[in-house]
Protein backbone atom coordinates (compact mmCIF):
# COMPACT_ATOMS: atom_id res chain seq x y z
CA MET A 1 99.11 85.88 114.21
CA VAL A 2 95.24 85.41 113.23
CA ILE A 3 95.51 87.45 110.58
CA PRO A 4 98.00 86.54 108.29
CA ILE A 5 95.71 82.75 108.63
CA LEU A 6 92.85 84.32 107.54
CA ILE A 7 94.10 86.71 104.97
CA VAL A 8 95.44 83.47 103.60
CA GLY A 9 92.42 81.18 104.10
CA GLN A 10 90.39 84.09 101.94
CA PHE A 11 93.19 84.24 99.23
CA ILE A 12 93.36 80.02 99.25
CA ASP A 13 88.90 80.28 98.94
CA LEU A 14 88.85 82.90 96.11
CA TYR A 15 91.54 81.24 93.91
CA ILE A 16 89.31 78.03 94.49
CA GLN A 17 86.47 79.18 93.06
CA ILE A 18 87.72 81.68 90.79
CA PHE A 19 90.58 79.73 88.75
CA PRO A 20 88.77 76.84 87.48
CA GLY A 21 86.24 78.48 86.03
CA THR A 22 88.74 81.26 84.06
CA VAL A 23 91.40 79.30 82.81
CA GLY A 24 90.21 75.77 83.22
CA GLU A 25 93.64 74.08 85.14
CA GLN A 26 93.80 74.80 89.54
CA VAL A 27 97.55 75.60 89.38
CA LEU A 28 98.93 77.25 91.98
CA GLY A 29 102.80 78.66 91.55
CA PHE A 30 104.98 81.14 91.42
CA GLN A 31 103.01 83.60 88.87
CA GLU A 32 100.03 83.66 91.88
CA ILE A 33 102.47 83.54 95.00
CA GLY A 34 104.53 86.00 93.76
CA THR A 35 101.70 88.78 93.03
CA PHE A 36 99.87 87.49 96.67
CA VAL A 37 103.48 88.33 98.53
CA GLY A 38 104.39 91.52 96.87
CA PHE A 39 100.89 93.10 97.38
CA ALA A 40 100.57 92.11 101.00
CA GLY A 41 104.33 93.23 101.14
CA LEU A 42 103.52 96.59 99.15
CA PHE A 43 100.18 97.38 101.64
CA MET A 44 103.11 96.51 105.16
CA LEU A 45 105.19 98.77 103.37
CA VAL A 46 102.40 101.49 102.74
CA THR A 47 100.66 101.02 106.14
CA GLY A 48 103.99 101.54 108.00
CA TRP A 49 105.35 104.19 106.41
CA VAL A 50 102.20 105.88 106.82
CA LEU A 51 102.02 105.31 110.88
CA SER A 52 105.74 106.26 111.02
CA ARG A 53 104.17 110.21 110.24
CA ALA A 54 101.28 110.00 112.39
CA ASN A 55 100.98 110.88 115.48
CA LEU A 56 99.97 108.46 117.34
CA TYR A 57 99.31 110.14 120.59
CA PRO A 58 96.98 113.30 120.45
CA VAL A 59 98.09 116.52 120.30
CA ASN A 60 97.24 118.70 123.88
CA HIS A 61 95.03 116.74 124.80
CA PRO A 62 94.13 117.77 128.11
CA TYR A 63 94.12 113.96 129.80
CA LEU A 64 97.01 112.82 128.07
CA GLU A 65 99.39 113.14 131.00
CA GLU A 66 96.68 111.40 133.72
CA SER A 67 96.57 108.79 130.86
CA LYS A 68 99.64 108.15 130.81
CA ASN A 69 99.66 107.58 134.20
CA HIS A 70 97.59 105.79 135.34
CA HIS A 71 97.77 102.13 137.04
CA SER A 72 95.14 99.72 137.31
């Protein structure tokens, strides 16, 4: 839950630092928000796609069964 807040905060920080020097006026419009949401969605899509094809359990690991049945 903290990571989305940090990403939005970083975007706002960089936006405030860079945008006035390049354009001259601070306007947070559809294009800026849409670009941010688009890249965030693309990142989540690619990350989910790659992780869905990856084997998240190690194959032929000698202690796999022991670690699955571990109780603390």
